Structure formats: structure tokens, C-alpha cells
Amino acid sequence: MIVVTGATGNIGRPLTRALTEAGRQVTTVSRHPAEVPDGVRHVVADLADPAGLKPALDGAEALFLLLSGDLHALGASPADLIGEAAGSGVRRVVLLSTLGVVTRPFGKTRIAMRALEETLRESGLEWSLLRPGGFASNALWWAESVRTRRVVAAPFGDVGVPIVDPADIAEVAAACLVDDRHHGGTYELTGPEVITPRQQTEAIAGALGSPVSFHELTREEAKAGMTRSMPAELADDTLDILGSPNPAELRVSPDVERALGRAPRSFADWAARHVAAFR
């Protein structure tokens, strides 16, 4: 049995689907009750309380660990989750980390995540590390303004990074959870090309078949919106990358293809699959 945390999110949902389609037994975990596919067990638990994860881990052989926003905050203790997994007999953990641990290793949230990676490596468990860059699904922040006003509002309109489709992250995670060949693997996950917010807007407009305008936010305006759903430190780290990506953050990684045997999906493909959110 495989446990998937963050089960209601943009990675957890496709990961659950991929695992069940592969015939695996899955237990999903989220803070609130959620609908899950037939045959999937669901457990309500808050990862901020590692002991609360015990019912989900009973009988589990593998764990996909995705930290909620508050577990990225300073003072959090996500390493306890790995100890809980080991103590429950879990054999393998796949950790969703971040590309920032190598591209900006001295940011506060990056230091904490790098320490968590090291805890996992030294745990005695089998492990894989996934280090994605920016997510294509972050464009869902724009869904309401596109639906109501046909406008995207974002900072740094002409600065791009190679954002990755969460479905690709989920497929790589599924491969790492079920295939022994990925034990000890570290995967830097990006999309196939550098794309700017203005170009993302054009792709959304193409999927809709109607014009969408772009409005550039200041950094301060963008941070005010982001801190409604993430710690201020994480918002600042994210904005640093979006506003001034370094060469490592602009690199298109081969690791999606290395893990899956195919090229990563484009943002236009993501927009076409999620166009209903913008209508």
C-alpha cells in the first residue's frame, strides 16, 4: 500500500490516479475530508502533528511526502514525519523538495528543505528526491480574473522560467514509488522551455479561443496576494526566482524524460487540459 499526502492538490490527485490505474492500493491523506476514487482509502490528518499520520501509515510500504505550506515555515519540524514513517514500517519515501535547494541554497526555506533531504538520506529508508521548479498550475491563481475580466495580473511579465506540469511531477513520483530503479535518485523537474507570464497569458487565450490581456503587478502587490496562502519567507524566495532567475533556474532539465522516457508536457498542453477553470 502506498500513502499519498497532499492528496487533494495538483500533484496528489494525478498521482493517486496513476497509482490506482497501475493496480496499487492507495491511502490518501489530507487535512479535510475529500472525495477519492473508488477503492482508495482516505485518512484525515494534519502533517503538523506527525503522530496523526499513524493511522494512514498502518501497513504502508511507501510514502509520497508533500509538505503543506506551514511546514515550510521557520520553526516547523517536518523531519518528524520521516521518523514516523520509519517507525511505522514504511520502506520507501519519495520527497517533494524544490529546485531551490541547489539554485539558491542559502535561502531560509531552502536550508530547511536541504536539511530534510539529508534526514531522509540518513534514515535507512529507500528514497527518491523530486526537485521541481515553478508549477504550471500556479496559473490557476489567475483563473478568477480571467473568468470575470479576461485579464492576467502577475509580476515580472517578461521574465520566464521553465515551469513544469504537475502531472509530470506526479508521473515521476509514481515511477519512484513503485520502481526499484529509482531508489537513490534525485530528479530536477522542469518543463520543456522557458516561458514568461505574458506568454502563459497568450497560451491561456489560445485555449479559450478569446483574447486575454496582461497586467503587470509590482513585487509588493504580488507578495500581498501570495502571503494569503504561504509563509512570507516562501513568498519572498519565490518572487526572487521569478524576478531574477539565475542560470541554473533557466536550465531545462532532462530529468522528466530520464524518468519517464518522454519529453515533459508544455504549458500550452496544461492550459488546454485546464481550460474549464478559466471559462
C-alpha atoms as a PDB file:
ATOM      1  CA  MET A   1       0.000   0.000   0.000  1.00  0.00           C
ATOM      2  CA  ILE A   2       1.195   3.499  -0.880  1.00  0.00           C
ATOM      3  CA  VAL A   3       0.348   6.631   1.122  1.00  0.00           C
ATOM      4  CA  VAL A   4      -0.077   9.912  -0.757  1.00  0.00           C
ATOM      5  CA  THR A   5      -0.010  13.131   1.258  1.00  0.00           C
ATOM      6  CA  GLY A   6      -1.314  16.349  -0.243  1.00  0.00           C
ATOM      7  CA  ALA A   7      -3.906  14.150  -1.893  1.00  0.00           C
ATOM      8  CA  THR A   8      -6.337  16.914  -2.851  1.00  0.00           C
ATOM      9  CA  GLY A   9      -3.715  19.045  -4.608  1.00  0.00           C
ATOM     10  CA  ASN A  10      -2.437  19.426  -8.141  1.00  0.00           C
ATOM     11  CA  ILE A  11       0.131  16.647  -7.692  1.00  0.00           C
ATOM     12  CA  GLY A  12      -1.720  14.372  -5.274  1.00  0.00           C
ATOM     13  CA  ARG A  13      -4.782  13.918  -7.465  1.00  0.00           C
ATOM     14  CA  PRO A  14      -2.961  12.768 -10.624  1.00  0.00           C
ATOM     15  CA  LEU A  15      -0.533  10.721  -8.531  1.00  0.00           C
ATOM     16  CA  THR A  16      -3.405   8.869  -6.880  1.00  0.00           C
ATOM     17  CA  ARG A  17      -4.951   8.245 -10.279  1.00  0.00           C
ATOM     18  CA  ALA A  18      -1.663   6.971 -11.754  1.00  0.00           C
ATOM     19  CA  LEU A  19      -1.098   4.575  -8.863  1.00  0.00           C
ATOM     20  CA  THR A  20      -4.626   3.166  -8.889  1.00  0.00           C
ATOM     21  CA  GLU A  21      -4.505   2.721 -12.663  1.00  0.00           C
ATOM     22  CA  ALA A  22      -1.302   0.736 -12.099  1.00  0.00           C
ATOM     23  CA  GLY A  23      -3.217  -1.544  -9.745  1.00  0.00           C
ATOM     24  CA  ARG A  24      -1.690  -0.266  -6.493  1.00  0.00           C
ATOM     25  CA  GLN A  25      -3.555   0.084  -3.213  1.00  0.00           C
ATOM     26  CA  VAL A  26      -3.541   3.740  -2.149  1.00  0.00           C
ATOM     27  CA  THR A  27      -4.297   5.645   1.042  1.00  0.00           C
ATOM     28  CA  THR A  28      -4.702   9.378   0.546  1.00  0.00           C
ATOM     29  CA  VAL A  29      -4.130  11.954   3.289  1.00  0.00           C
ATOM     30  CA  SER A  30      -5.432  15.498   3.576  1.00  0.00           C
ATOM     31  CA  ARG A  31      -6.418  17.906   6.334  1.00  0.00           C
ATOM     32  CA  HIS A  32     -10.089  17.788   5.400  1.00  0.00           C
ATOM     33  CA  PRO A  33     -12.484  15.095   4.152  1.00  0.00           C
ATOM     34  CA  ALA A  34     -12.235  14.627   0.404  1.00  0.00           C
ATOM     35  CA  GLU A  35     -13.742  12.583  -2.390  1.00  0.00           C
ATOM     36  CA  VAL A  36     -11.355   9.935  -3.670  1.00  0.00           C
ATOM     37  CA  PRO A  37     -11.546   7.350  -6.468  1.00  0.00           C
ATOM     38  CA  ASP A  38     -13.335   4.076  -5.812  1.00  0.00           C
ATOM     39  CA  GLY A  39     -11.154   1.644  -3.908  1.00  0.00           C
ATOM     40  CA  VAL A  40      -8.951   4.369  -2.415  1.00  0.00           C
ATOM     41  CA  ARG A  41      -8.813   4.755   1.367  1.00  0.00           C
ATOM     42  CA  HIS A  42      -8.798   8.307   2.736  1.00  0.00           C
ATOM     43  CA  VAL A  43      -7.463   9.476   6.099  1.00  0.00           C
ATOM     44  CA  VAL A  44      -7.887  12.963   7.534  1.00  0.00           C
ATOM     45  CA  ALA A  45      -4.649  14.067   9.184  1.00  0.00           C
ATOM     46  CA  ASP A  46      -2.632  17.245   9.719  1.00  0.00           C
ATOM     47  CA  LEU A  47       1.049  16.737   8.925  1.00  0.00           C
ATOM     48  CA  ALA A  48       1.902  19.366  11.527  1.00  0.00           C
ATOM     49  CA  ASP A  49       1.080  16.562  14.013  1.00  0.00           C
ATOM     50  CA  PRO A  50       3.259  13.656  12.841  1.00  0.00           C
ATOM     51  CA  ALA A  51       1.618  11.211  15.262  1.00  0.00           C
ATOM     52  CA  GLY A  52      -1.679  11.863  13.499  1.00  0.00           C
ATOM     53  CA  LEU A  53      -0.244  10.205  10.408  1.00  0.00           C
ATOM     54  CA  LYS A  54      -0.013   6.801  12.126  1.00  0.00           C
ATOM     55  CA  PRO A  55      -3.449   5.506  11.004  1.00  0.00           C
ATOM     56  CA  ALA A  56      -2.586   6.248   7.383  1.00  0.00           C
ATOM     57  CA  LEU A  57       0.813   4.537   7.604  1.00  0.00           C
ATOM     58  CA  ASP A  58      -0.516   1.285   9.027  1.00  0.00           C
ATOM     59  CA  GLY A  59       0.505  -1.405   6.548  1.00  0.00           C
ATOM     60  CA  ALA A  60       2.144   1.061   4.137  1.00  0.00           C
ATOM     61  CA  GLU A  61       5.245   0.185   2.143  1.00  0.00           C
ATOM     62  CA  ALA A  62       5.820   3.608   0.555  1.00  0.00           C
ATOM     63  CA  LEU A  63       5.048   7.261   1.248  1.00  0.00           C
ATOM     64  CA  PHE A  64       4.866  10.296  -1.006  1.00  0.00           C
ATOM     65  CA  LEU A  65       5.688  13.251   1.222  1.00  0.00           C
ATOM     66  CA  LEU A  66       4.462  16.692   0.195  1.00  0.00           C
ATOM     67  CA  LEU A  67       4.742  19.376   2.856  1.00  0.00           C
ATOM     68  CA  SER A  68       1.886  21.788   3.435  1.00  0.00           C
ATOM     69  CA  GLY A  69       2.739  25.499   3.462  1.00  0.00           C
ATOM     70  CA  ASP A  70       3.042  25.822   7.240  1.00  0.00           C
ATOM     71  CA  LEU A  71       5.618  23.024   7.332  1.00  0.00           C
ATOM     72  CA  HIS A  72       7.873  25.249   5.209  1.00  0.00           C
ATOM     73  CA  ALA A  73       7.735  27.957   7.877  1.00  0.00           C
ATOM     74  CA  LEU A  74      10.642  28.573  10.211  1.00  0.00           C
ATOM     75  CA  GLY A  75      10.352  26.515  13.392  1.00  0.00           C
ATOM     76  CA  ALA A  76       8.447  23.631  11.791  1.00  0.00           C
ATOM     77  CA  SER A  77       9.739  20.061  12.299  1.00  0.00           C
ATOM     78  CA  PRO A  78       8.938  18.061   9.163  1.00  0.00           C
ATOM     79  CA  ALA A  79      11.799  15.626   9.901  1.00  0.00           C
ATOM     80  CA  ASP A  80       9.496  14.039  12.487  1.00  0.00           C
ATOM     81  CA  LEU A  81       7.339  12.784   9.600  1.00  0.00           C
ATOM     82  CA  ILE A  82      10.234  10.719   8.279  1.00  0.00           C
ATOM     83  CA  GLY A  83      10.793   9.275  11.739  1.00  0.00           C
ATOM     84  CA  GLU A  84       7.109   8.414  11.955  1.00  0.00           C
ATOM     85  CA  ALA A  85       7.279   6.675   8.584  1.00  0.00           C
ATOM     86  CA  ALA A  86      10.336   4.653   9.562  1.00  0.00           C
ATOM     87  CA  GLY A  87       8.764   3.691  12.880  1.00  0.00           C
ATOM     88  CA  SER A  88       5.613   2.510  11.110  1.00  0.00           C
ATOM     89  CA  GLY A  89       7.492   0.113   8.838  1.00  0.00           C
ATOM     90  CA  VAL A  90       7.420   2.196   5.675  1.00  0.00           C
ATOM     91  CA  ARG A  91      10.195   1.051   3.346  1.00  0.00           C
ATOM     92  CA  ARG A  92      10.384   3.880   0.806  1.00  0.00           C
ATOM     93  CA  VAL A  93       9.794   7.663   0.879  1.00  0.00           C
ATOM     94  CA  VAL A  94       9.584   9.947  -2.148  1.00  0.00           C
ATOM     95  CA  LEU A  95      10.035  13.547  -1.036  1.00  0.00           C
ATOM     96  CA  LEU A  96       8.766  16.540  -2.973  1.00  0.00           C
ATOM     97  CA  SER A  97      11.604  19.009  -2.458  1.00  0.00           C
ATOM     98  CA  THR A  98      12.391  22.084  -4.555  1.00  0.00           C
ATOM     99  CA  LEU A  99      14.898  23.064  -7.207  1.00  0.00           C
ATOM    100  CA  GLY A 100      15.830  25.975  -4.957  1.00  0.00           C
ATOM    101  CA  VAL A 101      17.919  23.745  -2.682  1.00  0.00           C
ATOM    102  CA  VAL A 102      20.584  23.763  -5.401  1.00  0.00           C
ATOM    103  CA  THR A 103      19.879  27.013  -7.259  1.00  0.00           C
ATOM    104  CA  ARG A 104      19.529  29.211  -4.121  1.00  0.00           C
ATOM    105  CA  PRO A 105      20.877  27.075  -1.301  1.00  0.00           C
ATOM    106  CA  PHE A 106      21.149  29.830   1.303  1.00  0.00           C
ATOM    107  CA  GLY A 107      17.520  30.969   1.427  1.00  0.00           C
ATOM    108  CA  LYS A 108      15.950  30.165   4.796  1.00  0.00           C
ATOM    109  CA  THR A 109      13.291  27.847   3.415  1.00  0.00           C
ATOM    110  CA  ARG A 110      15.889  26.195   1.147  1.00  0.00           C
ATOM    111  CA  ILE A 111      18.206  25.491   4.078  1.00  0.00           C
ATOM    112  CA  ALA A 112      15.333  23.802   5.915  1.00  0.00           C
ATOM    113  CA  MET A 113      14.399  21.682   2.900  1.00  0.00           C
ATOM    114  CA  ARG A 114      18.006  20.672   2.296  1.00  0.00           C
ATOM    115  CA  ALA A 115      18.187  19.530   5.923  1.00  0.00           C
ATOM    116  CA  LEU A 116      15.046  17.454   5.385  1.00  0.00           C
ATOM    117  CA  GLU A 117      16.601  15.853   2.309  1.00  0.00           C
ATOM    118  CA  GLU A 118      19.626  14.932   4.389  1.00  0.00           C
ATOM    119  CA  THR A 119      17.429  13.467   7.126  1.00  0.00           C
ATOM    120  CA  LEU A 120      15.773  11.251   4.544  1.00  0.00           C
ATOM    121  CA  ARG A 121      19.100  10.128   3.062  1.00  0.00           C
ATOM    122  CA  GLU A 122      20.361   9.146   6.521  1.00  0.00           C
ATOM    123  CA  SER A 123      17.106   7.491   7.633  1.00  0.00           C
ATOM    124  CA  GLY A 124      17.929   3.991   6.410  1.00  0.00           C
ATOM    125  CA  LEU A 125      14.851   4.090   4.166  1.00  0.00           C
ATOM    126  CA  GLU A 126      14.831   3.807   0.409  1.00  0.00           C
ATOM    127  CA  TRP A 127      14.390   7.284  -1.013  1.00  0.00           C
ATOM    128  CA  SER A 128      13.968   9.465  -4.076  1.00  0.00           C
ATOM    129  CA  LEU A 129      14.076  13.266  -4.232  1.00  0.00           C
ATOM    130  CA  LEU A 130      11.966  15.325  -6.618  1.00  0.00           C
ATOM    131  CA  ARG A 131      13.129  18.904  -7.141  1.00  0.00           C
ATOM    132  CA  PRO A 132      10.641  20.759  -9.340  1.00  0.00           C
ATOM    133  CA  GLY A 133      10.915  24.381 -10.352  1.00  0.00           C
ATOM    134  CA  GLY A 134       7.817  26.549 -10.781  1.00  0.00           C
ATOM    135  CA  PHE A 135       4.473  24.808 -11.380  1.00  0.00           C
ATOM    136  CA  ALA A 136       2.245  25.378 -14.412  1.00  0.00           C
ATOM    137  CA  SER A 137      -0.709  25.110 -12.033  1.00  0.00           C
ATOM    138  CA  ASN A 138       0.313  28.377 -10.368  1.00  0.00           C
ATOM    139  CA  ALA A 139      -1.550  29.914 -13.297  1.00  0.00           C
ATOM    140  CA  LEU A 140      -4.755  28.910 -11.502  1.00  0.00           C
ATOM    141  CA  TRP A 141      -4.128  31.963  -9.310  1.00  0.00           C
ATOM    142  CA  TRP A 142      -5.292  33.909 -12.372  1.00  0.00           C
ATOM    143  CA  ALA A 143      -8.442  31.873 -13.017  1.00  0.00           C
ATOM    144  CA  GLU A 144     -10.938  34.227 -11.362  1.00  0.00           C
ATOM    145  CA  SER A 145      -9.611  37.357 -13.059  1.00  0.00           C
ATOM    146  CA  VAL A 146      -9.578  35.585 -16.413  1.00  0.00           C
ATOM    147  CA  ARG A 147     -13.141  34.344 -15.938  1.00  0.00           C
ATOM    148  CA  THR A 148     -14.521  37.679 -14.794  1.00  0.00           C
ATOM    149  CA  ARG A 149     -12.371  40.256 -16.591  1.00  0.00           C
ATOM    150  CA  ARG A 150     -10.312  38.359 -19.178  1.00  0.00           C
ATOM    151  CA  VAL A 151      -7.090  39.639 -17.575  1.00  0.00           C
ATOM    152  CA  VAL A 152      -3.995  38.035 -16.035  1.00  0.00           C
ATOM    153  CA  ALA A 153      -2.312  40.061 -13.282  1.00  0.00           C
ATOM    154  CA  ALA A 154       1.228  38.955 -12.398  1.00  0.00           C
ATOM    155  CA  PRO A 155       4.683  40.368 -11.677  1.00  0.00           C
ATOM    156  CA  PHE A 156       7.711  40.209 -13.989  1.00  0.00           C
ATOM    157  CA  GLY A 157       5.718  39.814 -17.190  1.00  0.00           C
ATOM    158  CA  ASP A 158       8.670  39.280 -19.495  1.00  0.00           C
ATOM    159  CA  VAL A 159      10.864  37.163 -17.215  1.00  0.00           C
ATOM    160  CA  GLY A 160      10.492  33.433 -17.791  1.00  0.00           C
ATOM    161  CA  VAL A 161      11.423  30.106 -16.220  1.00  0.00           C
ATOM    162  CA  PRO A 162      10.823  26.528 -17.458  1.00  0.00           C
ATOM    163  CA  ILE A 163       7.732  25.761 -15.376  1.00  0.00           C
ATOM    164  CA  VAL A 164       6.686  22.126 -15.030  1.00  0.00           C
ATOM    165  CA  ASP A 165       3.284  20.460 -15.376  1.00  0.00           C
ATOM    166  CA  PRO A 166       2.242  18.914 -12.027  1.00  0.00           C
ATOM    167  CA  ALA A 167       1.010  15.866 -13.958  1.00  0.00           C
ATOM    168  CA  ASP A 168       4.624  15.230 -14.964  1.00  0.00           C
ATOM    169  CA  ILE A 169       5.725  15.541 -11.333  1.00  0.00           C
ATOM    170  CA  ALA A 170       3.013  13.048 -10.389  1.00  0.00           C
ATOM    171  CA  GLU A 171       4.114  10.548 -13.024  1.00  0.00           C
ATOM    172  CA  VAL A 172       7.743  10.780 -11.928  1.00  0.00           C
ATOM    173  CA  ALA A 173       6.612  10.336  -8.305  1.00  0.00           C
ATOM    174  CA  ALA A 174       4.595   7.250  -9.259  1.00  0.00           C
ATOM    175  CA  ALA A 175       7.613   5.755 -11.014  1.00  0.00           C
ATOM    176  CA  CYS A 176       9.804   6.392  -7.970  1.00  0.00           C
ATOM    177  CA  LEU A 177       7.246   4.882  -5.606  1.00  0.00           C
ATOM    178  CA  VAL A 178       6.860   1.594  -7.487  1.00  0.00           C
ATOM    179  CA  ASP A 179      10.126   1.027  -9.374  1.00  0.00           C
ATOM    180  CA  ASP A 180      13.290  -0.012  -7.513  1.00  0.00           C
ATOM    181  CA  ARG A 181      15.466   1.513 -10.230  1.00  0.00           C
ATOM    182  CA  HIS A 182      14.706   4.995  -8.897  1.00  0.00           C
ATOM    183  CA  HIS A 183      15.984   4.332  -5.367  1.00  0.00           C
ATOM    184  CA  GLY A 184      18.589   6.974  -4.528  1.00  0.00           C
ATOM    185  CA  GLY A 185      17.590   9.120  -7.491  1.00  0.00           C
ATOM    186  CA  THR A 186      17.410  12.909  -7.468  1.00  0.00           C
ATOM    187  CA  TYR A 187      15.282  14.435 -10.226  1.00  0.00           C
ATOM    188  CA  GLU A 188      15.272  18.108 -11.169  1.00  0.00           C
ATOM    189  CA  LEU A 189      11.908  18.604 -12.864  1.00  0.00           C
ATOM    190  CA  THR A 190      11.177  21.376 -15.363  1.00  0.00           C
ATOM    191  CA  GLY A 191       9.042  21.920 -18.410  1.00  0.00           C
ATOM    192  CA  PRO A 192      10.392  21.793 -21.972  1.00  0.00           C
ATOM    193  CA  GLU A 193      11.041  25.525 -22.396  1.00  0.00           C
ATOM    194  CA  VAL A 194      11.407  28.870 -20.655  1.00  0.00           C
ATOM    195  CA  ILE A 195       8.064  30.693 -20.709  1.00  0.00           C
ATOM    196  CA  THR A 196       7.119  34.140 -19.369  1.00  0.00           C
ATOM    197  CA  PRO A 197       3.851  35.160 -17.675  1.00  0.00           C
ATOM    198  CA  ARG A 198       2.957  37.143 -20.776  1.00  0.00           C
ATOM    199  CA  GLN A 199       3.470  34.047 -22.925  1.00  0.00           C
ATOM    200  CA  GLN A 200       1.430  31.966 -20.476  1.00  0.00           C
ATOM    201  CA  THR A 201      -1.350  34.513 -20.892  1.00  0.00           C
ATOM    202  CA  GLU A 202      -1.199  34.004 -24.647  1.00  0.00           C
ATOM    203  CA  ALA A 203      -1.421  30.236 -24.188  1.00  0.00           C
ATOM    204  CA  ILE A 204      -4.485  30.594 -21.950  1.00  0.00           C
ATOM    205  CA  ALA A 205      -6.084  32.875 -24.522  1.00  0.00           C
ATOM    206  CA  GLY A 206      -5.347  30.290 -27.203  1.00  0.00           C
ATOM    207  CA  ALA A 207      -7.006  27.562 -25.154  1.00  0.00           C
ATOM    208  CA  LEU A 208     -10.041  29.772 -24.568  1.00  0.00           C
ATOM    209  CA  GLY A 209     -10.238  30.993 -28.140  1.00  0.00           C
ATOM    210  CA  SER A 210     -10.677  34.576 -26.901  1.00  0.00           C
ATOM    211  CA  PRO A 211      -8.322  37.454 -26.020  1.00  0.00           C
ATOM    212  CA  VAL A 212      -6.849  37.777 -22.526  1.00  0.00           C
ATOM    213  CA  SER A 213      -4.914  40.907 -21.536  1.00  0.00           C
ATOM    214  CA  PHE A 214      -1.900  41.066 -19.237  1.00  0.00           C
ATOM    215  CA  HIS A 215      -1.497  43.481 -16.305  1.00  0.00           C
ATOM    216  CA  GLU A 216       1.895  43.645 -14.597  1.00  0.00           C
ATOM    217  CA  LEU A 217       1.886  43.727 -10.780  1.00  0.00           C
ATOM    218  CA  THR A 218       4.600  45.224  -8.634  1.00  0.00           C
ATOM    219  CA  ARG A 219       6.534  42.832  -6.425  1.00  0.00           C
ATOM    220  CA  GLU A 220       4.764  44.243  -3.360  1.00  0.00           C
ATOM    221  CA  GLU A 221       1.329  43.666  -4.882  1.00  0.00           C
ATOM    222  CA  ALA A 222       2.259  40.100  -5.809  1.00  0.00           C
ATOM    223  CA  LYS A 223       3.612  39.321  -2.344  1.00  0.00           C
ATOM    224  CA  ALA A 224       0.456  40.603  -0.678  1.00  0.00           C
ATOM    225  CA  GLY A 225      -1.561  38.087  -2.661  1.00  0.00           C
ATOM    226  CA  MET A 226       0.842  35.185  -2.184  1.00  0.00           C
ATOM    227  CA  THR A 227       1.090  35.521   1.589  1.00  0.00           C
ATOM    228  CA  ARG A 228      -2.589  34.676   1.892  1.00  0.00           C
ATOM    229  CA  SER A 229      -1.642  31.060   1.166  1.00  0.00           C
ATOM    230  CA  MET A 230       2.053  30.668   2.082  1.00  0.00           C
ATOM    231  CA  PRO A 231       4.605  31.929   4.631  1.00  0.00           C
ATOM    232  CA  ALA A 232       6.140  35.320   3.838  1.00  0.00           C
ATOM    233  CA  GLU A 233       9.635  33.767   3.633  1.00  0.00           C
ATOM    234  CA  LEU A 234       8.484  31.331   0.952  1.00  0.00           C
ATOM    235  CA  ALA A 235       6.738  34.120  -0.967  1.00  0.00           C
ATOM    236  CA  ASP A 236       9.930  36.184  -0.949  1.00  0.00           C
ATOM    237  CA  ASP A 237      12.017  33.228  -2.097  1.00  0.00           C
ATOM    238  CA  THR A 238       9.565  32.538  -4.921  1.00  0.00           C
ATOM    239  CA  LEU A 239       9.500  36.162  -6.042  1.00  0.00           C
ATOM    240  CA  ASP A 240      13.291  36.309  -6.028  1.00  0.00           C
ATOM    241  CA  ILE A 241      13.340  33.450  -8.519  1.00  0.00           C
ATOM    242  CA  LEU A 242      10.503  34.776 -10.684  1.00  0.00           C
ATOM    243  CA  GLY A 243      12.007  38.246 -10.854  1.00  0.00           C
ATOM    244  CA  SER A 244      15.647  37.371 -11.375  1.00  0.00           C
ATOM    245  CA  PRO A 245      16.228  33.718 -12.250  1.00  0.00           C
ATOM    246  CA  ASN A 246      19.848  32.623 -12.265  1.00  0.00           C
ATOM    247  CA  PRO A 247      21.330  30.371 -14.994  1.00  0.00           C
ATOM    248  CA  ALA A 248      20.539  27.202 -13.040  1.00  0.00           C
ATOM    249  CA  GLU A 249      16.887  28.259 -12.772  1.00  0.00           C
ATOM    250  CA  LEU A 250      16.716  28.878 -16.519  1.00  0.00           C
ATOM    251  CA  ARG A 251      18.112  25.439 -17.369  1.00  0.00           C
ATOM    252  CA  VAL A 252      15.732  22.975 -18.994  1.00  0.00           C
ATOM    253  CA  SER A 253      16.349  19.686 -17.209  1.00  0.00           C
ATOM    254  CA  PRO A 254      16.342  16.295 -18.977  1.00  0.00           C
ATOM    255  CA  ASP A 255      15.112  14.511 -15.849  1.00  0.00           C
ATOM    256  CA  VAL A 256      11.406  14.161 -16.738  1.00  0.00           C
ATOM    257  CA  GLU A 257      12.468  12.364 -19.899  1.00  0.00           C
ATOM    258  CA  ARG A 258      15.107  10.390 -17.992  1.00  0.00           C
ATOM    259  CA  ALA A 259      12.456   9.091 -15.591  1.00  0.00           C
ATOM    260  CA  LEU A 260       9.523   8.646 -17.974  1.00  0.00           C
ATOM    261  CA  GLY A 261      11.056   8.098 -21.394  1.00  0.00           C
ATOM    262  CA  ARG A 262       9.207  11.062 -22.917  1.00  0.00           C
ATOM    263  CA  ALA A 263       9.556  14.819 -23.083  1.00  0.00           C
ATOM    264  CA  PRO A 264       7.820  16.981 -20.454  1.00  0.00           C
ATOM    265  CA  ARG A 265       4.447  18.496 -21.306  1.00  0.00           C
ATOM    266  CA  SER A 266       4.259  22.121 -22.457  1.00  0.00           C
ATOM    267  CA  PHE A 267       2.367  24.913 -20.704  1.00  0.00           C
ATOM    268  CA  ALA A 268       0.038  25.103 -23.708  1.00  0.00           C
ATOM    269  CA  ASP A 269      -0.852  21.459 -23.112  1.00  0.00           C
ATOM    270  CA  TRP A 270      -1.539  22.205 -19.436  1.00  0.00           C
ATOM    271  CA  ALA A 271      -3.723  25.204 -20.377  1.00  0.00           C
ATOM    272  CA  ALA A 272      -5.744  23.139 -22.852  1.00  0.00           C
ATOM    273  CA  ARG A 273      -6.417  20.449 -20.234  1.00  0.00           C
ATOM    274  CA  HIS A 274      -7.461  23.017 -17.585  1.00  0.00           C
ATOM    275  CA  VAL A 275      -9.283  25.497 -19.785  1.00  0.00           C
ATOM    276  CA  ALA A 276     -12.555  24.964 -17.888  1.00  0.00           C
ATOM    277  CA  ALA A 277     -11.051  26.763 -14.879  1.00  0.00           C
ATOM    278  CA  PHE A 278     -10.676  29.918 -16.967  1.00  0.00           C
ATOM    279  CA  ARG A 279     -14.041  29.960 -18.757  1.00  0.00           C
END
